[in-house]
C-alpha cells in the first residue's frame, strides 16, 4: 500500500512537471507567433512564463514597443485564465478552439510620457492623410486647433500611464472590458453577444450587432486639463471650453452635421468638470448610433447619462455644406494697361478687420502658425476664418491678441 502511494505521488509529480513543461513550450510557440505577426508594428517581449494547475498562464515583466511611439509599454503581470488545465492546453494548441468563457488580466501597465510621444514620420503621415479635421481637440495654445501635447500633460503633473490594469472577461453571453489607470481615469465596455478571438482580434467588430454600453470616468483629469490649458491660452476656463466646443462644431459641419444644443452643453460641462459619462453605442449604426435627423427636425435623443443623470435631446442634424471659400487660383488677375491692378496679399490693420468679412485672408499667430481662408466673423476678442476641408468649411476661431499678422488677398494699385 505504501509503495502504491509512493508511485501515485511520483506519477503526480511527473504529471505536474509534464503539464508545466508542455504549457511553457506551447506558450513560447504562441508568443513567437505573436511576435512574428506584430513585427511590422513593433517589438513584443514575452518576459518569463509560468502556469497554474487550475488553467492559468502567467507572463511576467513583458513589454511592447510600438514603432510609432517613443516610449515602450511595460506589462508587470499578464494572466490568462482558461478555466481548466485541459482548456488551457487546447487554447494554446489551437487558439481558434478557445471556449466562450475565459479571463485575461494585465496588471502593472506602465508607459512614461516623452516629448514628443509620436515619431516624426507618424506625425507627418497623419497630417498628410487627414481629409477631415479631428472632432475632439483639447488645445493648450492660443490656437484652438493645436492639440494638447505630451509635454503639456507632463506639465500638468501626469508622468505617463501608471498603475494601469486591464481586464477582459469573455462570457458566454458577451464581452466585458475594463481599463483602469491611476489618476487618468477608466473606461468600461460591456458588449452583449460579442466574441473575442486572440488569433483574429478584428473579427470582434462583426461578432455582435447588440448595443454596446461604454462608461468613461476621468478621475478629475478634465478639471486639471481645463485649468492648465485655459491659463496657457490666456483665457478663462469657460471661454476655453466654449472655443473647444466651437472646434467640435466646425469639425461636424465639415461632415455635414450640426450638434444639438444639449449635445454642446454636455460636451462643455464635461470639459470643465469631467465626471462619469455612460453612452449606448450601436456597432452597425451610422455615427455609432447617435441619432441623426434632417435639418430642422428633432427627435428622441441619444441614450447617454452624465453622473448618473439622463441627458435628453442629445442628437445630430444634417446640414448643407457651406459654400467653398474663395481661393487664390479662382480669382483672376486683371490687367488694364496704364491702370493695371494686381491680385496679391496686402497687410492690413486688425482694427479694420471687420471691413474684410467674406474676403480671403491670411492670419499669422504668435506661435508662428498661419491660417489662410475666408474671414467669416470679427468679434471683440476673436475672429474666425473658414477653411475648405472635405468639401465643406471649418471655422477656426482665433484670439485677436494672439494675431501678429493680418493680410488680405485683394487687388491693389501696382507700384
Protein backbone atom coordinates (compact mmCIF):
# COMPACT_ATOMS: atom_id res chain seq x y z
CA UNK A 1 0.00 0.00 0.00
CA UNK A 2 2.83 2.35 0.90
CA UNK A 3 4.62 1.51 -2.34
CA UNK A 4 1.44 2.24 -4.32
CA UNK A 5 1.10 5.56 -2.56
CA UNK A 6 4.69 6.44 -3.42
CA UNK A 7 4.08 5.53 -7.06
CA UNK A 8 0.98 7.75 -7.13
CA UNK A 9 2.94 10.64 -5.69
CA UNK A 10 5.71 10.13 -8.25
CA UNK A 11 3.23 9.90 -11.10
CA UNK A 12 1.51 13.04 -9.85
CA UNK A 13 4.79 14.97 -9.75
CA UNK A 14 5.70 13.71 -13.20
CA UNK A 15 2.27 14.74 -14.48
CA UNK A 16 2.58 18.23 -12.98
CA UNK A 17 6.07 18.61 -14.44
CA UNK A 18 4.88 17.40 -17.84
CA UNK A 19 1.91 19.80 -17.74
CA UNK A 20 4.05 22.81 -16.86
CA UNK A 21 6.70 21.90 -19.42
CA UNK A 22 4.05 21.44 -22.10
CA UNK A 23 2.37 24.75 -21.23
CA UNK A 24 5.73 26.55 -21.26
CA UNK A 25 6.63 25.15 -24.68
CA UNK A 26 3.22 25.88 -26.21
CA UNK A 27 3.15 29.38 -24.70
CA UNK A 28 6.61 30.08 -26.06
CA UNK A 29 5.45 28.98 -29.52
CA UNK A 30 2.35 31.19 -29.38
CA UNK A 31 4.45 34.12 -28.13
CA UNK A 32 6.81 33.60 -31.07
CA UNK A 33 3.82 33.58 -33.44
CA UNK A 34 2.56 36.83 -31.89
CA UNK A 35 6.00 38.41 -32.15
CA UNK A 36 6.20 37.48 -35.85
CA UNK A 37 2.69 38.80 -36.57
CA UNK A 38 3.45 42.08 -34.79
CA UNK A 39 6.88 42.64 -36.38
CA UNK A 40 5.58 45.29 -38.83
CA UNK A 41 4.17 47.30 -35.91
CA UNK A 42 6.66 46.86 -33.09
CA UNK A 43 8.62 44.55 -30.81
CA UNK A 44 6.95 42.25 -28.26
CA UNK A 45 8.94 40.73 -25.39
CA UNK A 46 7.02 37.96 -23.60
CA UNK A 47 9.11 38.09 -20.42
CA UNK A 48 9.03 34.97 -18.22
CA UNK A 49 6.41 32.21 -18.47
CA UNK A 50 4.66 30.47 -15.58
CA UNK A 51 1.48 28.41 -15.32
CA UNK A 52 -1.06 27.32 -12.72
CA UNK A 53 -2.69 23.95 -12.26
CA UNK A 54 -6.16 25.47 -12.45
CA UNK A 55 -5.66 26.62 -16.04
CA UNK A 56 -3.72 29.90 -15.74
CA UNK A 57 -0.91 31.13 -17.93
CA UNK A 58 1.18 33.97 -16.48
CA UNK A 59 3.69 36.21 -18.27
CA UNK A 60 5.82 38.45 -16.04
CA UNK A 61 7.80 41.55 -16.99
CA UNK A 62 6.61 41.59 -20.60
CA UNK A 63 6.83 44.69 -22.79
CA UNK A 64 5.63 46.14 -26.08
CA UNK A 65 7.49 48.78 -28.10
CA UNK A 66 5.33 50.28 -30.81
CA UNK A 67 7.43 51.69 -33.66
CA UNK A 68 5.14 54.75 -33.76
CA UNK A 69 5.80 55.66 -30.12
CA UNK A 70 8.96 56.85 -28.44
CA UNK A 71 8.27 55.02 -25.16
CA UNK A 72 7.57 51.30 -24.53
CA UNK A 73 4.63 49.82 -22.63
CA UNK A 74 5.76 47.71 -19.67
CA UNK A 75 3.46 44.89 -18.50
CA UNK A 76 4.24 43.76 -14.98
CA UNK A 77 1.92 40.73 -14.98
CA UNK A 78 -0.19 39.23 -17.73
CA UNK A 79 -2.52 36.39 -16.72
CA UNK A 80 -4.76 34.30 -18.95
CA UNK A 81 -7.28 32.04 -17.19
CA UNK A 82 -8.83 29.45 -19.50
CA UNK A 83 -10.95 27.91 -16.74
CA UNK A 84 -9.29 24.49 -16.59
CA UNK A 85 -5.92 22.86 -17.45
CA UNK A 86 -7.41 20.97 -20.39
CA UNK A 87 -8.94 24.13 -21.89
CA UNK A 88 -5.63 25.94 -21.44
CA UNK A 89 -3.76 23.23 -23.35
CA UNK A 90 -6.40 23.22 -26.09
CA UNK A 91 -6.31 27.01 -26.39
CA UNK A 92 -2.52 27.04 -26.68
CA UNK A 93 -2.55 24.27 -29.26
CA UNK A 94 -5.34 25.88 -31.30
CA UNK A 95 -6.39 29.46 -30.34
CA UNK A 96 -9.47 29.12 -32.57
CA UNK A 97 -10.83 26.45 -30.20
CA UNK A 98 -10.99 28.89 -27.27
CA UNK A 99 -14.25 28.39 -25.39
CA UNK A 100 -16.82 31.03 -24.55
CA UNK A 101 -15.59 31.56 -21.00
CA UNK A 102 -12.13 32.91 -20.15
CA UNK A 103 -10.45 35.88 -18.48
CA UNK A 104 -7.42 37.94 -19.43
CA UNK A 105 -5.95 40.33 -16.87
CA UNK A 106 -2.93 42.62 -17.13
CA UNK A 107 -1.52 44.45 -14.13
CA UNK A 108 1.30 46.93 -13.66
CA UNK A 109 0.85 48.66 -17.02
CA UNK A 110 3.40 51.48 -17.22
CA UNK A 111 4.33 53.90 -20.01
CA UNK A 112 6.35 57.07 -19.49
CA UNK A 113 5.43 60.19 -21.40
CA UNK A 114 8.12 61.74 -23.55
CA UNK A 115 8.18 64.83 -25.75
CA UNK A 116 7.33 64.15 -28.48
CA UNK A 117 5.36 60.96 -27.92
CA UNK A 118 4.90 60.16 -31.62
CA UNK A 119 7.72 59.64 -34.10
CA UNK A 120 8.12 62.46 -36.61
CA UNK A 121 7.24 60.22 -39.56
CA UNK A 122 3.96 59.27 -37.87
CA UNK A 123 3.01 62.90 -37.35
CA UNK A 124 3.87 63.83 -40.94
CA UNK A 125 1.94 60.86 -42.32
CA UNK A 126 -1.13 61.66 -40.19
CA UNK A 127 -1.19 65.26 -41.36
CA UNK A 128 -0.74 64.23 -45.00
CA UNK A 129 -3.58 61.69 -44.87
CA UNK A 130 -6.05 63.81 -42.90
CA UNK A 131 -9.03 64.70 -45.09
CA UNK A 132 -11.30 65.95 -42.31
CA UNK A 133 -10.48 67.87 -39.12
CA UNK A 134 -10.50 65.86 -35.88
CA UNK A 135 -13.69 66.01 -33.85
CA UNK A 136 -12.24 66.36 -30.36
CA UNK A 137 -9.30 68.73 -29.92
CA UNK A 138 -8.07 69.85 -26.50
CA UNK A 139 -5.72 72.79 -27.02
CA UNK A 140 -3.37 74.46 -24.54
CA UNK A 141 -2.33 77.02 -27.14
CA UNK A 142 -3.69 80.34 -28.31
CA UNK A 143 -4.54 78.43 -31.49
CA UNK A 144 -7.61 76.30 -30.62
CA UNK A 145 -6.78 73.82 -33.39
CA UNK A 146 -3.38 72.87 -31.98
CA UNK A 147 -3.93 69.68 -29.94
CA UNK A 148 -2.59 69.15 -26.44
CA UNK A 149 0.91 67.67 -26.40
CA UNK A 150 2.60 65.12 -24.21
CA UNK A 151 4.72 67.97 -22.81
CA UNK A 152 1.52 69.71 -21.70
CA UNK A 153 0.41 66.56 -19.90
CA UNK A 154 3.77 66.31 -18.16
CA UNK A 155 3.47 69.95 -17.11
CA UNK A 156 0.08 69.18 -15.61
CA UNK A 157 1.73 66.51 -13.48
CA UNK A 158 0.98 63.37 -15.48
CA UNK A 159 4.27 61.48 -15.98
CA UNK A 160 2.59 58.79 -18.04
CA UNK A 161 0.44 55.71 -17.72
CA UNK A 162 0.88 54.38 -14.19
CA UNK A 163 -0.85 51.70 -12.19
CA UNK A 164 -2.71 50.51 -15.26
CA UNK A 165 -4.95 47.45 -15.09
CA UNK A 166 -6.72 45.76 -17.98
CA UNK A 167 -9.47 43.17 -17.57
CA UNK A 168 -11.02 41.32 -20.49
CA UNK A 169 -13.68 38.81 -19.49
CA UNK A 170 -15.24 36.67 -22.21
CA UNK A 171 -18.59 35.39 -21.00
CA UNK A 172 -20.86 33.01 -22.88
CA UNK A 173 -23.30 35.91 -23.30
CA UNK A 174 -20.85 38.68 -24.19
CA UNK A 175 -17.60 40.55 -23.63
CA UNK A 176 -16.60 42.85 -20.76
CA UNK A 177 -13.51 45.08 -21.00
CA UNK A 178 -12.22 47.39 -18.26
CA UNK A 179 -9.16 49.63 -18.34
CA UNK A 180 -8.22 51.46 -15.14
CA UNK A 181 -5.31 53.85 -14.64
CA UNK A 182 -4.03 55.80 -11.65
CA UNK A 183 -5.04 59.46 -11.91
CA UNK A 184 -6.14 59.46 -15.53
CA UNK A 185 -9.48 57.70 -15.34
CA UNK A 186 -11.01 54.50 -16.62
CA UNK A 187 -13.16 53.09 -19.40
CA UNK A 188 -15.57 50.18 -19.23
CA UNK A 189 -17.14 48.42 -22.23
CA UNK A 190 -19.96 45.88 -21.96
CA UNK A 191 -20.87 44.28 -25.28
CA UNK A 192 -23.50 41.51 -25.16
CA UNK A 193 -23.08 38.76 -27.74
CA UNK A 194 -19.53 39.75 -28.70
CA UNK A 195 -16.77 37.15 -29.09
CA UNK A 196 -13.07 38.00 -28.99
CA UNK A 197 -10.66 35.61 -30.73
CA UNK A 198 -6.97 36.19 -29.91
CA UNK A 199 -5.88 34.81 -33.30
CA UNK A 200 -8.20 37.24 -35.14
CA UNK A 201 -8.84 40.35 -32.97
CA UNK A 202 -10.58 42.35 -35.71
CA UNK A 203 -13.32 39.70 -36.01
CA UNK A 204 -14.84 41.00 -32.76
CA UNK A 205 -16.19 44.02 -34.69
CA UNK A 206 -18.51 41.75 -36.66
CA UNK A 207 -19.28 39.26 -33.88
CA UNK A 208 -22.35 41.04 -32.49
CA UNK A 209 -24.88 43.67 -33.52
CA UNK A 210 -26.19 44.26 -30.00
CA UNK A 211 -25.86 47.62 -28.25
CA UNK A 212 -22.56 48.47 -26.54
CA UNK A 213 -22.57 50.25 -23.18
CA UNK A 214 -19.49 52.42 -22.67
CA UNK A 215 -18.71 54.16 -19.38
CA UNK A 216 -15.96 56.77 -19.20
CA UNK A 217 -14.63 58.17 -15.91
CA UNK A 218 -11.97 60.88 -15.88
CA UNK A 219 -10.88 60.84 -12.18
CA UNK A 220 -10.62 64.64 -12.12
CA UNK A 221 -8.35 64.78 -15.18
CA UNK A 222 -10.56 67.20 -17.16
CA UNK A 223 -10.58 69.79 -14.39
CA UNK A 224 -6.80 69.76 -14.38
CA UNK A 225 -6.63 70.00 -18.18
CA UNK A 226 -9.17 72.83 -18.43
CA UNK A 227 -7.44 74.86 -15.70
CA UNK A 228 -3.98 74.39 -17.22
CA UNK A 229 -4.95 74.87 -20.87
CA UNK A 230 -7.06 77.97 -20.23
CA UNK A 231 -4.18 79.52 -18.28
CA UNK A 232 -1.72 78.75 -21.09
CA UNK A 233 -4.13 80.20 -23.67
CA UNK A 234 -4.67 83.32 -21.53
CA UNK A 235 -8.44 82.94 -21.21
CA UNK A 236 -10.95 81.86 -18.58
CA UNK A 237 -11.85 78.14 -18.33
CA UNK A 238 -15.40 78.88 -19.50
CA UNK A 239 -14.06 80.64 -22.62
CA UNK A 240 -11.64 77.77 -23.23
CA UNK A 241 -14.50 75.27 -23.06
CA UNK A 242 -16.61 77.42 -25.38
CA UNK A 243 -13.95 77.62 -28.09
CA UNK A 244 -13.26 73.86 -27.76
CA UNK A 245 -16.95 73.25 -28.41
CA UNK A 246 -16.67 75.53 -31.46
CA UNK A 247 -13.88 73.32 -32.82
CA UNK A 248 -16.16 70.28 -32.45
CA UNK A 249 -18.99 72.15 -34.15
CA UNK A 250 -16.73 73.14 -37.06
CA UNK A 251 -15.48 69.58 -37.50
CA UNK A 252 -19.05 68.27 -37.52
CA UNK A 253 -20.04 70.89 -40.10
CA UNK A 254 -17.25 69.61 -42.33
CA UNK A 255 -19.04 66.25 -42.15
CA UNK A 256 -22.41 67.79 -42.97
CA UNK A 257 -23.70 67.63 -39.38
CA UNK A 258 -24.78 70.02 -36.66
CA UNK A 259 -24.87 69.14 -32.91
CA UNK A 260 -27.95 69.85 -30.83
CA UNK A 261 -27.80 72.45 -28.06
CA UNK A 262 -27.84 69.71 -25.43
CA UNK A 263 -25.02 67.90 -27.23
CA UNK A 264 -22.87 71.02 -26.99
CA UNK A 265 -23.93 71.68 -23.38
CA UNK A 266 -23.00 68.14 -22.33
CA UNK A 267 -19.59 68.38 -24.00
CA UNK A 268 -18.95 71.82 -22.48
CA UNK A 269 -19.85 70.59 -18.98
CA UNK A 270 -17.62 67.55 -19.29
CA UNK A 271 -14.72 69.71 -20.47
CA UNK A 272 -14.97 71.84 -17.32
CA UNK A 273 -15.89 69.30 -14.65
CA UNK A 274 -15.24 65.84 -16.08
CA UNK A 275 -17.12 63.08 -14.30
CA UNK A 276 -18.78 59.88 -15.46
CA UNK A 277 -20.37 59.58 -18.88
CA UNK A 278 -22.26 56.45 -19.93
CA UNK A 279 -23.40 56.09 -23.53
CA UNK A 280 -25.01 53.34 -25.58
CA UNK A 281 -23.40 52.74 -28.96
CA UNK A 282 -24.75 50.87 -31.96
CA UNK A 283 -21.89 48.99 -33.70
CA UNK A 284 -23.70 48.77 -37.04
CA UNK A 285 -25.29 52.23 -36.88
CA UNK A 286 -24.26 55.46 -38.57
CA UNK A 287 -22.14 57.64 -36.28
CA UNK A 288 -22.01 54.88 -33.63
CA UNK A 289 -25.75 55.05 -33.06
CA UNK A 290 -26.03 58.78 -32.29
CA UNK A 291 -29.42 59.83 -33.71
CA UNK A 292 -29.12 61.89 -36.91
CA UNK A 293 -32.11 63.86 -38.18
CA UNK A 294 -32.74 66.08 -41.21
CA UNK A 295 -32.06 69.79 -40.85
CA UNK A 296 -34.63 71.44 -38.60
CA UNK A 297 -36.08 68.12 -37.41
CA UNK A 298 -35.74 66.91 -33.80
CA UNK A 299 -36.46 63.51 -32.31
CA UNK A 300 -35.55 61.12 -29.48
CA UNK A 301 -32.09 61.78 -28.11
CA UNK A 302 -29.05 59.59 -27.65
CA UNK A 303 -29.10 57.18 -24.72
CA UNK A 304 -26.48 58.94 -22.60
CA UNK A 305 -26.14 59.77 -18.88
CA UNK A 306 -23.85 62.21 -17.12
CA UNK A 307 -23.03 61.49 -13.48
CA UNK A 308 -25.98 59.04 -13.42
CA UNK A 309 -28.43 61.69 -14.70
CA UNK A 310 -30.13 61.16 -18.07
CA UNK A 311 -29.29 63.89 -20.59
CA UNK A 312 -32.18 64.48 -23.02
CA UNK A 313 -32.16 65.83 -26.57
CA UNK A 314 -28.62 64.80 -27.50
CA UNK A 315 -28.58 64.23 -31.26
CA UNK A 316 -27.15 65.43 -34.58
CA UNK A 317 -28.83 67.13 -37.51
CA UNK A 318 -27.81 67.06 -41.14
CA UNK A 319 -26.88 70.37 -42.65
CA UNK A 320 -25.93 71.55 -46.10
CA UNK A 321 -22.23 72.09 -46.59
CA UNK A 322 -21.48 75.85 -46.76
CA UNK A 323 -20.12 77.43 -49.89
CA UNK A 324 -16.45 76.88 -50.59
CA UNK A 325 -14.14 79.79 -49.75
CA UNK A 326 -12.64 81.91 -52.49
CA UNK A 327 -9.24 80.57 -53.45
CA UNK A 328 -6.34 82.48 -54.88
CA UNK A 329 -6.35 80.37 -58.04
CA UNK A 330 -10.04 81.10 -58.66
CA UNK A 331 -9.62 84.89 -58.64
CA UNK A 332 -8.32 86.17 -61.97
CA UNK A 333 -5.66 88.81 -62.20
CA UNK A 334 -6.98 91.85 -64.02
CA UNK A 335 -4.62 93.97 -66.06
CA UNK A 336 -5.73 97.08 -67.89
CA UNK A 337 -2.74 98.84 -69.32
CA UNK A 338 -1.75 102.03 -67.53
CA UNK A 339 -4.01 101.40 -64.52
CA UNK A 340 -3.05 97.77 -64.10
CA UNK A 341 -4.21 96.26 -60.77
CA UNK A 342 -2.70 93.06 -59.39
CA UNK A 343 -4.06 90.42 -57.04
CA UNK A 344 -1.78 89.70 -54.07
CA UNK A 345 -1.52 89.76 -50.27
CA UNK A 346 -1.82 93.19 -48.65
CA UNK A 347 -1.10 93.73 -44.96
CA UNK A 348 -3.99 95.36 -43.12
CA UNK A 349 -4.59 96.66 -39.63
CA UNK A 350 -6.61 94.45 -37.30
CA UNK A 351 -8.71 97.48 -36.44
CA UNK A 352 -10.18 97.33 -39.95
CA UNK A 353 -10.66 93.54 -39.98
CA UNK A 354 -14.48 93.77 -39.93
CA UNK A 355 -14.31 95.52 -43.33
CA UNK A 356 -12.87 92.36 -44.90
CA UNK A 357 -15.53 89.84 -43.86
CA UNK A 358 -16.08 87.47 -46.78
CA UNK A 359 -12.59 88.08 -48.21
CA UNK A 360 -9.74 85.60 -48.31
CA UNK A 361 -7.29 86.44 -45.54
CA UNK A 362 -4.04 85.11 -44.10
CA UNK A 363 -3.59 85.29 -40.35
CA UNK A 364 -0.23 84.77 -38.60
CA UNK A 365 -0.34 83.84 -34.91
CA UNK A 366 2.20 84.45 -32.16
CA UNK A 367 3.22 80.77 -32.27
CA UNK A 368 4.14 81.21 -35.99
CA UNK A 369 1.12 79.19 -37.19
CA UNK A 370 -0.50 80.60 -40.33
CA UNK A 371 -4.23 80.20 -41.04
CA UNK A 372 -5.50 81.04 -44.51
CA UNK A 373 -9.16 81.10 -45.53
CA UNK A 374 -12.34 83.15 -45.70
CA UNK A 375 -12.92 85.68 -42.91
CA UNK A 376 -16.40 84.96 -41.54
CA UNK A 377 -16.60 86.76 -38.20
CA UNK A 378 -14.85 89.50 -36.22
CA UNK A 379 -15.69 89.99 -32.56
CA UNK A 380 -14.26 91.95 -29.68
CA UNK A 381 -11.88 89.16 -28.65
CA UNK A 382 -11.88 86.68 -31.53
CA UNK A 383 -12.02 86.43 -35.27
CA UNK A 384 -12.98 83.35 -37.28
CA UNK A 385 -11.50 82.13 -40.54
CA UNK A 386 -13.24 79.37 -42.54
CA UNK A 387 -11.10 76.87 -44.41
CA UNK A 388 -12.22 74.39 -47.06
CA UNK A 389 -12.00 70.84 -45.67
CA UNK A 390 -13.53 67.69 -47.12
CA UNK A 391 -15.97 69.51 -49.39
CA UNK A 392 -17.20 71.90 -46.67
CA UNK A 393 -15.84 74.61 -44.45
CA UNK A 394 -14.44 74.57 -40.92
CA UNK A 395 -14.40 77.80 -38.90
CA UNK A 396 -11.22 78.39 -36.89
CA UNK A 397 -11.70 80.87 -34.01
CA UNK A 398 -8.55 82.79 -33.02
CA UNK A 399 -7.87 85.26 -30.22
CA UNK A 400 -7.23 88.72 -31.65
CA UNK A 401 -4.45 89.36 -29.16
CA UNK A 402 -2.63 86.28 -30.49
CA UNK A 403 -2.60 87.65 -34.05
CA UNK A 404 0.72 89.11 -35.19
CA UNK A 405 -0.07 89.47 -38.87
CA UNK A 406 -3.26 90.09 -40.88
CA UNK A 407 -3.24 90.11 -44.69
CA UNK A 408 -5.99 90.29 -47.31
CA UNK A 409 -5.87 88.75 -50.79
CA UNK A 410 -7.17 91.56 -52.98
CA UNK A 411 -6.47 93.87 -55.89
CA UNK A 412 -4.33 96.94 -55.36
CA UNK A 413 -2.58 99.57 -57.44
CA UNK A 414 0.76 98.42 -58.84
CA UNK A 415 3.74 100.31 -57.56
